[in-house]
C-alpha atoms as a PDB file:
ATOM      1  CA  MET A   1    -163.102 156.662 -23.315  1.00  0.00           C
ATOM      2  CA  TYR A   2    -164.368 160.010 -22.009  1.00  0.00           C
ATOM      3  CA  ALA A   3    -162.818 161.326 -18.785  1.00  0.00           C
ATOM      4  CA  ILE A   4    -163.312 164.421 -16.657  1.00  0.00           C
ATOM      5  CA  VAL A   5    -160.336 165.631 -14.637  1.00  0.00           C
ATOM      6  CA  ALA A   6    -161.124 168.077 -11.818  1.00  0.00           C
ATOM      7  CA  GLY A   7    -158.062 170.065 -10.789  1.00  0.00           C
ATOM      8  CA  GLY A   8    -155.407 171.508 -13.065  1.00  0.00           C
ATOM      9  CA  GLY A   9    -152.386 171.266 -10.782  1.00  0.00           C
ATOM     10  CA  LYS A  10    -149.373 169.125 -11.614  1.00  0.00           C
ATOM     11  CA  VAL A  11    -151.246 165.870 -11.089  1.00  0.00           C
ATOM     12  CA  GLY A  12    -154.329 166.860 -13.080  1.00  0.00           C
ATOM     13  CA  ALA A  13    -152.317 168.415 -15.897  1.00  0.00           C
ATOM     14  CA  ASN A  14    -150.019 165.398 -16.201  1.00  0.00           C
ATOM     15  CA  ILE A  15    -152.953 162.991 -16.181  1.00  0.00           C
ATOM     16  CA  THR A  16    -154.722 165.035 -18.852  1.00  0.00           C
ATOM     17  CA  ARG A  17    -151.658 165.177 -21.085  1.00  0.00           C
ATOM     18  CA  SER A  18    -151.196 161.423 -20.778  1.00  0.00           C
ATOM     19  CA  LEU A  19    -154.840 160.621 -21.506  1.00  0.00           C
ATOM     20  CA  VAL A  20    -154.817 162.885 -24.556  1.00  0.00           C
ATOM     21  CA  GLN A  21    -151.653 161.188 -25.827  1.00  0.00           C
ATOM     22  CA  MET A  22    -153.388 157.837 -25.355  1.00  0.00           C
ATOM     23  CA  GLY A  23    -156.180 159.052 -27.624  1.00  0.00           C
ATOM     24  CA  HIS A  24    -158.939 159.521 -25.055  1.00  0.00           C
ATOM     25  CA  GLU A  25    -161.420 162.397 -24.867  1.00  0.00           C
ATOM     26  CA  VAL A  26    -160.841 164.563 -21.797  1.00  0.00           C
ATOM     27  CA  THR A  27    -162.204 167.698 -20.157  1.00  0.00           C
ATOM     28  CA  LEU A  28    -159.986 169.331 -17.524  1.00  0.00           C
ATOM     29  CA  ILE A  29    -161.584 171.694 -15.003  1.00  0.00           C
ATOM     30  CA  GLU A  30    -159.423 174.344 -13.309  1.00  0.00           C
ATOM     31  CA  GLN A  31    -160.710 177.065 -10.998  1.00  0.00           C
ATOM     32  CA  ARG A  32    -157.811 179.558 -10.897  1.00  0.00           C
ATOM     33  CA  ARG A  33    -157.963 181.878 -13.880  1.00  0.00           C
ATOM     34  CA  ASP A  34    -154.196 182.283 -14.259  1.00  0.00           C
ATOM     35  CA  ARG A  35    -153.671 178.523 -14.204  1.00  0.00           C
ATOM     36  CA  TRP A  36    -156.610 178.001 -16.579  1.00  0.00           C
ATOM     37  CA  GLU A  37    -155.156 180.497 -19.053  1.00  0.00           C
ATOM     38  CA  GLN A  38    -151.821 178.669 -18.971  1.00  0.00           C
ATOM     39  CA  LEU A  39    -153.383 175.253 -19.484  1.00  0.00           C
ATOM     40  CA  GLU A  40    -155.826 176.484 -22.129  1.00  0.00           C
ATOM     41  CA  ALA A  41    -152.942 177.946 -24.097  1.00  0.00           C
ATOM     42  CA  GLU A  42    -151.220 174.545 -24.008  1.00  0.00           C
ATOM     43  CA  LEU A  43    -154.112 172.098 -24.301  1.00  0.00           C
ATOM     44  CA  GLY A  44    -156.802 174.126 -26.031  1.00  0.00           C
ATOM     45  CA  PRO A  45    -160.567 174.137 -25.449  1.00  0.00           C
ATOM     46  CA  ILE A  46    -160.577 170.885 -23.468  1.00  0.00           C
ATOM     47  CA  VAL A  47    -159.711 173.043 -20.425  1.00  0.00           C
ATOM     48  CA  LEU A  48    -162.749 174.555 -18.681  1.00  0.00           C
ATOM     49  CA  GLN A  49    -162.562 177.299 -16.071  1.00  0.00           C
ATOM     50  CA  GLY A  50    -164.703 176.906 -12.985  1.00  0.00           C
ATOM     51  CA  ASP A  51    -165.262 175.300  -9.602  1.00  0.00           C
ATOM     52  CA  ALA A  52    -165.774 171.573 -10.092  1.00  0.00           C
ATOM     53  CA  THR A  53    -167.842 171.354  -6.904  1.00  0.00           C
ATOM     54  CA  GLU A  54    -170.574 173.371  -8.663  1.00  0.00           C
ATOM     55  CA  LEU A  55    -173.168 171.403 -10.607  1.00  0.00           C
ATOM     56  CA  HIS A  56    -173.395 173.777 -13.570  1.00  0.00           C
ATOM     57  CA  ILE A  57    -169.632 173.542 -14.111  1.00  0.00           C
ATOM     58  CA  LEU A  58    -169.689 169.750 -14.022  1.00  0.00           C
ATOM     59  CA  GLU A  59    -172.638 169.738 -16.410  1.00  0.00           C
ATOM     60  CA  ARG A  60    -170.771 172.035 -18.807  1.00  0.00           C
ATOM     61  CA  ALA A  61    -167.944 169.495 -18.658  1.00  0.00           C
ATOM     62  CA  GLY A  62    -170.357 166.762 -19.759  1.00  0.00           C
ATOM     63  CA  ILE A  63    -170.889 164.826 -16.544  1.00  0.00           C
ATOM     64  CA  ALA A  64    -174.450 163.994 -17.567  1.00  0.00           C
ATOM     65  CA  ARG A  65    -173.210 161.856 -20.499  1.00  0.00           C
ATOM     66  CA  PRO A  66    -171.803 160.373 -18.152  1.00  0.00           C
ATOM     67  CA  PRO A  67    -168.027 159.958 -18.543  1.00  0.00           C
ATOM     68  CA  GLU A  68    -166.533 156.506 -18.066  1.00  0.00           C
ATOM     69  CA  ILE A  69    -164.252 157.926 -15.389  1.00  0.00           C
ATOM     70  CA  LEU A  70    -163.886 161.073 -13.282  1.00  0.00           C
ATOM     71  CA  LEU A  71    -160.670 162.031 -11.516  1.00  0.00           C
ATOM     72  CA  ALA A  72    -160.977 164.450  -8.586  1.00  0.00           C
ATOM     73  CA  VAL A  73    -157.389 165.616  -8.089  1.00  0.00           C
ATOM     74  CA  THR A  74    -157.634 169.116  -6.653  1.00  0.00           C
ATOM     75  CA  GLY A  75    -155.403 170.209  -3.797  1.00  0.00           C
ATOM     76  CA  ASP A  76    -158.363 170.195  -1.387  1.00  0.00           C
ATOM     77  CA  ASP A  77    -159.565 166.881   0.038  1.00  0.00           C
ATOM     78  CA  GLU A  78    -163.010 168.280   0.885  1.00  0.00           C
ATOM     79  CA  ASP A  79    -163.490 169.335  -2.732  1.00  0.00           C
ATOM     80  CA  ASN A  80    -162.353 165.919  -3.965  1.00  0.00           C
ATOM     81  CA  ILE A  81    -164.876 164.222  -1.691  1.00  0.00           C
ATOM     82  CA  VAL A  82    -167.710 166.477  -2.891  1.00  0.00           C
ATOM     83  CA  ILE A  83    -166.822 166.085  -6.572  1.00  0.00           C
ATOM     84  CA  SER A  84    -166.589 162.294  -6.282  1.00  0.00           C
ATOM     85  CA  GLN A  85    -169.897 162.049  -4.441  1.00  0.00           C
ATOM     86  CA  ILE A  86    -171.667 164.220  -7.000  1.00  0.00           C
ATOM     87  CA  ALA A  87    -170.271 162.087  -9.820  1.00  0.00           C
ATOM     88  CA  LYS A  88    -171.165 158.726  -8.276  1.00  0.00           C
ATOM     89  CA  GLU A  89    -174.473 159.494  -6.577  1.00  0.00           C
ATOM     90  CA  GLY A  90    -175.829 162.323  -8.715  1.00  0.00           C
ATOM     91  CA  TYR A  91    -174.773 161.209 -12.188  1.00  0.00           C
ATOM     92  CA  HIS A  92    -173.927 157.513 -11.761  1.00  0.00           C
ATOM     93  CA  VAL A  93    -170.419 157.871 -13.144  1.00  0.00           C
ATOM     94  CA  PRO A  94    -169.083 154.266 -13.258  1.00  0.00           C
ATOM     95  CA  LYS A  95    -165.670 155.115 -11.815  1.00  0.00           C
ATOM     96  CA  ALA A  96    -164.712 158.086  -9.642  1.00  0.00           C
ATOM     97  CA  ILE A  97    -161.112 158.271  -8.440  1.00  0.00           C
ATOM     98  CA  ALA A  98    -160.105 160.824  -5.821  1.00  0.00           C
ATOM     99  CA  ARG A  99    -156.767 162.226  -4.763  1.00  0.00           C
ATOM    100  CA  VAL A 100    -156.089 162.217  -1.022  1.00  0.00           C
ATOM    101  CA  ASN A 101    -153.741 165.065  -0.166  1.00  0.00           C
ATOM    102  CA  ASP A 102    -153.627 164.410   3.594  1.00  0.00           C
ATOM    103  CA  PRO A 103    -153.536 160.694   4.562  1.00  0.00           C
ATOM    104  CA  ARG A 104    -155.324 161.592   7.805  1.00  0.00           C
ATOM    105  CA  ASN A 105    -158.428 162.272   5.700  1.00  0.00           C
ATOM    106  CA  GLN A 106    -158.515 158.758   4.202  1.00  0.00           C
ATOM    107  CA  PRO A 107    -161.113 157.524   6.744  1.00  0.00           C
ATOM    108  CA  TYR A 108    -163.551 160.209   5.556  1.00  0.00           C
ATOM    109  CA  PHE A 109    -163.257 158.980   1.987  1.00  0.00           C
ATOM    110  CA  ASP A 110    -163.766 155.401   3.197  1.00  0.00           C
ATOM    111  CA  VAL A 111    -166.847 156.245   5.284  1.00  0.00           C
ATOM    112  CA  LEU A 112    -168.432 158.050   2.341  1.00  0.00           C
ATOM    113  CA  GLY A 113    -167.850 155.109   0.032  1.00  0.00           C
ATOM    114  CA  ILE A 114    -165.128 156.708  -2.069  1.00  0.00           C
ATOM    115  CA  THR A 115    -162.978 153.618  -2.253  1.00  0.00           C
ATOM    116  CA  GLN A 116    -160.803 154.481  -5.263  1.00  0.00           C
ATOM    117  CA  THR A 117    -158.242 156.883  -3.812  1.00  0.00           C
ATOM    118  CA  VAL A 118    -154.644 157.577  -4.769  1.00  0.00           C
ATOM    119  CA  CYS A 119    -151.913 160.024  -3.946  1.00  0.00           C
ATOM    120  CA  ALA A 120    -149.681 160.154  -7.025  1.00  0.00           C
ATOM    121  CA  THR A 121    -149.885 160.628 -10.786  1.00  0.00           C
ATOM    122  CA  SER A 122    -148.485 157.157 -11.466  1.00  0.00           C
ATOM    123  CA  GLY A 123    -151.125 155.587  -9.248  1.00  0.00           C
ATOM    124  CA  LEU A 124    -153.912 157.438 -11.030  1.00  0.00           C
ATOM    125  CA  LEU A 125    -152.646 156.404 -14.438  1.00  0.00           C
ATOM    126  CA  GLY A 126    -152.467 152.814 -13.310  1.00  0.00           C
ATOM    127  CA  LEU A 127    -156.125 152.898 -12.263  1.00  0.00           C
ATOM    128  CA  VAL A 128    -157.157 154.528 -15.514  1.00  0.00           C
ATOM    129  CA  GLU A 129    -155.242 151.937 -17.555  1.00  0.00           C
ATOM    130  CA  HIS A 130    -156.888 149.204 -15.497  1.00  0.00           C
ATOM    131  CA  GLU A 131    -160.237 150.275 -16.993  1.00  0.00           C
ATOM    132  CA  VAL A 132    -158.882 150.017 -20.554  1.00  0.00           C
ATOM    133  CA  PRO A 133    -158.141 146.296 -21.098  1.00  0.00           C
ATOM    134  CA  GLU A 134    -156.564 146.769 -24.536  1.00  0.00           C
ATOM    135  CA  HIS A 135    -153.503 148.277 -22.906  1.00  0.00           C
ATOM    136  CA  GLY A 136    -152.585 144.808 -21.679  1.00  0.00           C
ATOM    137  CA  LEU A 137    -149.987 145.827 -19.090  1.00  0.00           C
ATOM    138  CA  VAL A 138    -150.685 148.083 -16.116  1.00  0.00           C
ATOM    139  CA  LYS A 139    -147.949 149.482 -13.884  1.00  0.00           C
ATOM    140  CA  LEU A 140    -149.008 148.957 -10.280  1.00  0.00           C
ATOM    141  CA  LEU A 141    -145.984 150.078  -8.313  1.00  0.00           C
ATOM    142  CA  GLU A 142    -142.508 151.450  -8.909  1.00  0.00           C
ATOM    143  CA  LEU A 143    -139.875 150.281  -6.429  1.00  0.00           C
ATOM    144  CA  ARG A 144    -137.292 152.943  -7.147  1.00  0.00           C
ATOM    145  CA  GLY A 145    -134.875 151.935  -4.408  1.00  0.00           C
ATOM    146  CA  GLU A 146    -134.722 148.371  -5.713  1.00  0.00           C
ATOM    147  CA  GLY A 147    -134.865 149.329  -9.391  1.00  0.00           C
ATOM    148  CA  LEU A 148    -137.969 147.167  -9.944  1.00  0.00           C
ATOM    149  CA  GLU A 149    -141.572 147.552 -11.073  1.00  0.00           C
ATOM    150  CA  LEU A 150    -144.717 145.633 -10.220  1.00  0.00           C
ATOM    151  CA  VAL A 151    -147.072 145.243 -13.202  1.00  0.00           C
ATOM    152  CA  GLU A 152    -150.368 143.532 -13.936  1.00  0.00           C
ATOM    153  CA  LEU A 153    -151.157 141.784 -17.215  1.00  0.00           C
ATOM    154  CA  HIS A 154    -154.637 140.893 -18.473  1.00  0.00           C
ATOM    155  CA  VAL A 155    -154.623 137.646 -20.469  1.00  0.00           C
ATOM    156  CA  PRO A 156    -156.911 137.686 -23.557  1.00  0.00           C
ATOM    157  CA  PRO A 157    -158.196 134.473 -25.204  1.00  0.00           C
ATOM    158  CA  ASP A 158    -155.595 134.591 -27.978  1.00  0.00           C
ATOM    159  CA  ALA A 159    -152.632 135.367 -25.711  1.00  0.00           C
ATOM    160  CA  PRO A 160    -149.430 133.381 -26.338  1.00  0.00           C
ATOM    161  CA  ALA A 161    -149.342 132.436 -22.645  1.00  0.00           C
ATOM    162  CA  ALA A 162    -152.942 131.163 -22.532  1.00  0.00           C
ATOM    163  CA  GLY A 163    -152.967 127.434 -21.808  1.00  0.00           C
ATOM    164  CA  LYS A 164    -149.276 127.306 -20.943  1.00  0.00           C
ATOM    165  CA  ARG A 165    -147.540 126.488 -17.680  1.00  0.00           C
ATOM    166  CA  ILE A 166    -145.496 129.376 -16.320  1.00  0.00           C
ATOM    167  CA  ALA A 167    -142.345 127.297 -16.740  1.00  0.00           C
ATOM    168  CA  GLY A 168    -143.053 127.182 -20.475  1.00  0.00           C
ATOM    169  CA  ILE A 169    -143.389 130.956 -20.952  1.00  0.00           C
ATOM    170  CA  SER A 170    -140.265 132.587 -22.367  1.00  0.00           C
ATOM    171  CA  LEU A 171    -139.758 135.630 -20.153  1.00  0.00           C
ATOM    172  CA  PRO A 172    -136.798 138.009 -20.482  1.00  0.00           C
ATOM    173  CA  ASP A 173    -134.083 138.139 -17.843  1.00  0.00           C
ATOM    174  CA  GLY A 174    -135.130 140.427 -15.024  1.00  0.00           C
ATOM    175  CA  ALA A 175    -138.811 139.410 -15.065  1.00  0.00           C
ATOM    176  CA  LYS A 176    -140.782 136.929 -12.969  1.00  0.00           C
ATOM    177  CA  LEU A 177    -144.487 136.143 -12.651  1.00  0.00           C
ATOM    178  CA  VAL A 178    -145.435 136.255  -8.987  1.00  0.00           C
ATOM    179  CA  SER A 179    -149.223 135.787  -8.740  1.00  0.00           C
ATOM    180  CA  VAL A 180    -152.319 134.887 -10.743  1.00  0.00           C
ATOM    181  CA  MET A 181    -155.830 136.201 -10.071  1.00  0.00           C
ATOM    182  CA  ARG A 182    -158.657 134.054 -11.469  1.00  0.00           C
ATOM    183  CA  ASN A 183    -162.377 134.575 -10.786  1.00  0.00           C
ATOM    184  CA  GLY A 184    -161.520 136.891  -7.920  1.00  0.00           C
ATOM    185  CA  VAL A 185    -159.186 134.394  -6.225  1.00  0.00           C
ATOM    186  CA  GLY A 186    -155.444 134.952  -6.169  1.00  0.00           C
ATOM    187  CA  GLU A 187    -152.669 132.397  -5.896  1.00  0.00           C
ATOM    188  CA  ILE A 188    -148.890 132.421  -5.839  1.00  0.00           C
ATOM    189  CA  ALA A 189    -147.471 131.717  -9.298  1.00  0.00           C
ATOM    190  CA  ARG A 190    -145.558 128.419  -9.505  1.00  0.00           C
ATOM    191  CA  ASP A 191    -143.762 126.786 -12.423  1.00  0.00           C
ATOM    192  CA  ASP A 192    -146.666 124.357 -12.894  1.00  0.00           C
ATOM    193  CA  THR A 193    -149.376 127.077 -12.728  1.00  0.00           C
ATOM    194  CA  VAL A 194    -151.314 127.124 -16.008  1.00  0.00           C
ATOM    195  CA  ILE A 195    -152.286 130.554 -17.351  1.00  0.00           C
ATOM    196  CA  ARG A 196    -155.908 130.792 -18.538  1.00  0.00           C
ATOM    197  CA  PRO A 197    -157.736 133.407 -20.647  1.00  0.00           C
ATOM    198  CA  GLY A 198    -159.158 136.088 -18.369  1.00  0.00           C
ATOM    199  CA  ASP A 199    -156.432 135.705 -15.749  1.00  0.00           C
ATOM    200  CA  GLN A 200    -154.829 138.778 -14.198  1.00  0.00           C
ATOM    201  CA  VAL A 201    -151.137 138.067 -13.788  1.00  0.00           C
ATOM    202  CA  VAL A 202    -148.808 140.131 -11.613  1.00  0.00           C
ATOM    203  CA  ALA A 203    -145.137 140.271 -12.537  1.00  0.00           C
ATOM    204  CA  ILE A 204    -142.086 141.903 -10.991  1.00  0.00           C
ATOM    205  CA  LEU A 205    -139.505 143.132 -13.443  1.00  0.00           C
ATOM    206  CA  LYS A 206    -136.684 145.506 -14.183  1.00  0.00           C
ATOM    207  CA  PRO A 207    -137.603 148.718 -16.027  1.00  0.00           C
ATOM    208  CA  GLY A 208    -137.103 148.423 -19.756  1.00  0.00           C
ATOM    209  CA  VAL A 209    -138.401 144.895 -20.289  1.00  0.00           C
ATOM    210  CA  GLU A 210    -142.120 145.759 -20.120  1.00  0.00           C
ATOM    211  CA  ASP A 211    -142.757 145.330 -23.849  1.00  0.00           C
ATOM    212  CA  ARG A 212    -140.993 141.964 -23.963  1.00  0.00           C
ATOM    213  CA  VAL A 213    -143.001 140.723 -20.995  1.00  0.00           C
ATOM    214  CA  ARG A 214    -146.210 141.977 -22.593  1.00  0.00           C
ATOM    215  CA  ARG A 215    -145.440 140.194 -25.847  1.00  0.00           C
ATOM    216  CA  ALA A 216    -144.582 136.953 -24.038  1.00  0.00           C
ATOM    217  CA  VAL A 217    -147.728 136.906 -21.913  1.00  0.00           C
ATOM    218  CA  VAL A 218    -150.529 138.786 -23.701  1.00  0.00           C
ATOM    219  CA  GLY A 219    -149.181 139.203 -27.251  1.00  0.00           C
END
């Protein structure tokens, strides 16, 4: 997957590091020269200096390819709106995700059709992982106060859970399937619910059992 990340602050830098570690191709755009120099020294030539609201900078980053995903995560909501609109309307980027710094600006994103918006690094990573089905398990929400996580699992045809009732799936202690989405329709998971290939299953679990849940459900 090729991704463009606009904004080299903490969110953009963390997202870029994570995507690189996952083996994806990334270009990170940062406007401030001092910040660019710091990131370029760490990450190398994948960091481009410039204003991501300018077309020639986005084109140098490869937006005309186009990338599978663009993340507009600068500290300025107006810039994030402009960058997302350019990506979606000007270059037909399939997925543009924007950071909303001030929740009061959310209606402006909604009115302009920028529906994929998030406010935290974990949320952005979850959306990115959602576009890469081979990852299997996507973290949707971390409930730190309760010590729990909400995750989504995509069930492939050869999954160990495919064709089984939920009661027959061997889940680790501290994990429970709570809902199943099939053909765009969700339902509460019951013991007699049968998991089918293509289902999106949501589970609530304690941190540390993710891999065991993944193996039990998707393999």
